[in-house]
Amino acid sequence: MTWDTINQDMLDVMNLMYMNVSVTGAQKSGTIVCLPKKPDPGGPEDYRSLTLLHAAYKLLTRIIAIRCDPG
């Protein structure tokens, strides 16, 4: 399984990010892609933007948000 292969590496990355209270520029940056809303897009309004972020950054922000939620 994939998780069995990467779990220790992911834990190491999370611990470094959390303990050092910093992330690299690559972890904070995203790649924006434009997906067509319909088969034959005619202009910019016919596209939807999607930002692809680094998985470790997304996971860490989600963990912190869950821990900070009082509810």
Protein backbone atom coordinates (compact mmCIF):
# COMPACT_ATOMS: atom_id res chain seq x y z
CA MET A 1 0.00 0.00 0.00
CA THR A 2 1.13 3.55 -0.67
CA TRP A 3 0.58 4.80 2.88
CA ASP A 4 2.80 2.03 4.25
CA THR A 5 5.55 3.31 1.97
CA ILE A 6 5.30 7.04 2.73
CA ASN A 7 3.93 7.27 6.28
CA GLN A 8 7.27 7.77 8.06
CA ASP A 9 8.46 10.31 5.48
CA MET A 10 5.20 12.25 5.77
CA LEU A 11 5.42 12.21 9.57
CA ASP A 12 8.99 13.54 9.37
CA VAL A 13 7.92 16.37 7.05
CA MET A 14 4.97 17.26 9.30
CA ASN A 15 7.15 17.30 12.40
CA LEU A 16 9.75 19.52 10.72
CA MET A 17 7.11 21.96 9.52
CA TYR A 18 5.37 22.09 12.90
CA MET A 19 8.43 22.17 15.16
CA ASN A 20 10.32 24.73 13.04
CA VAL A 21 7.14 26.80 12.52
CA SER A 22 8.11 27.27 8.90
CA VAL A 23 7.48 25.84 5.49
CA THR A 24 9.52 26.14 2.34
CA GLY A 25 8.55 28.40 -0.53
CA ALA A 26 7.75 25.36 -2.64
CA GLN A 27 5.36 24.08 0.02
CA LYS A 28 3.51 27.42 0.13
CA SER A 29 3.25 27.91 -3.61
CA GLY A 30 0.54 26.53 -5.80
CA THR A 31 0.02 25.81 -9.45
CA ILE A 32 -3.08 27.34 -11.00
CA VAL A 33 -4.78 25.37 -13.76
CA CYS A 34 -7.85 26.44 -15.72
CA LEU A 35 -10.48 23.82 -16.38
CA PRO A 36 -13.15 24.37 -19.04
CA LYS A 37 -16.72 24.61 -17.72
CA LYS A 38 -18.16 23.42 -21.02
CA PRO A 39 -16.92 21.39 -24.02
CA ASP A 40 -16.11 24.36 -26.31
CA PRO A 41 -15.01 27.29 -24.14
CA GLY A 42 -15.14 30.62 -25.95
CA GLY A 43 -13.51 32.97 -23.46
CA PRO A 44 -12.05 33.34 -19.97
CA GLU A 45 -15.50 33.23 -18.35
CA ASP A 46 -15.89 29.66 -19.62
CA TYR A 47 -13.04 28.41 -17.41
CA ARG A 48 -12.84 27.55 -13.73
CA SER A 49 -9.52 28.03 -11.95
CA LEU A 50 -8.13 25.40 -9.62
CA THR A 51 -5.06 25.80 -7.42
CA LEU A 52 -2.98 22.70 -6.78
CA LEU A 53 -1.13 22.92 -3.45
CA HIS A 54 1.60 20.81 -1.88
CA ALA A 55 0.02 17.87 -0.03
CA ALA A 56 2.07 18.29 3.17
CA TYR A 57 1.08 21.97 3.45
CA LYS A 58 -2.60 21.13 2.99
CA LEU A 59 -2.44 18.35 5.56
CA LEU A 60 -0.69 20.47 8.17
CA THR A 61 -3.11 23.38 7.79
CA ARG A 62 -6.03 20.97 8.11
CA ILE A 63 -4.57 19.40 11.27
CA ILE A 64 -4.00 22.81 12.85
CA ALA A 65 -7.49 24.01 11.91
CA ILE A 66 -9.08 20.92 13.47
CA ARG A 67 -7.05 21.33 16.66
CA CYS A 68 -7.95 25.03 16.93
CA ASP A 69 -11.69 24.46 16.44
CA PRO A 70 -13.41 24.71 19.84
CA GLY A 71 -16.51 22.88 18.63
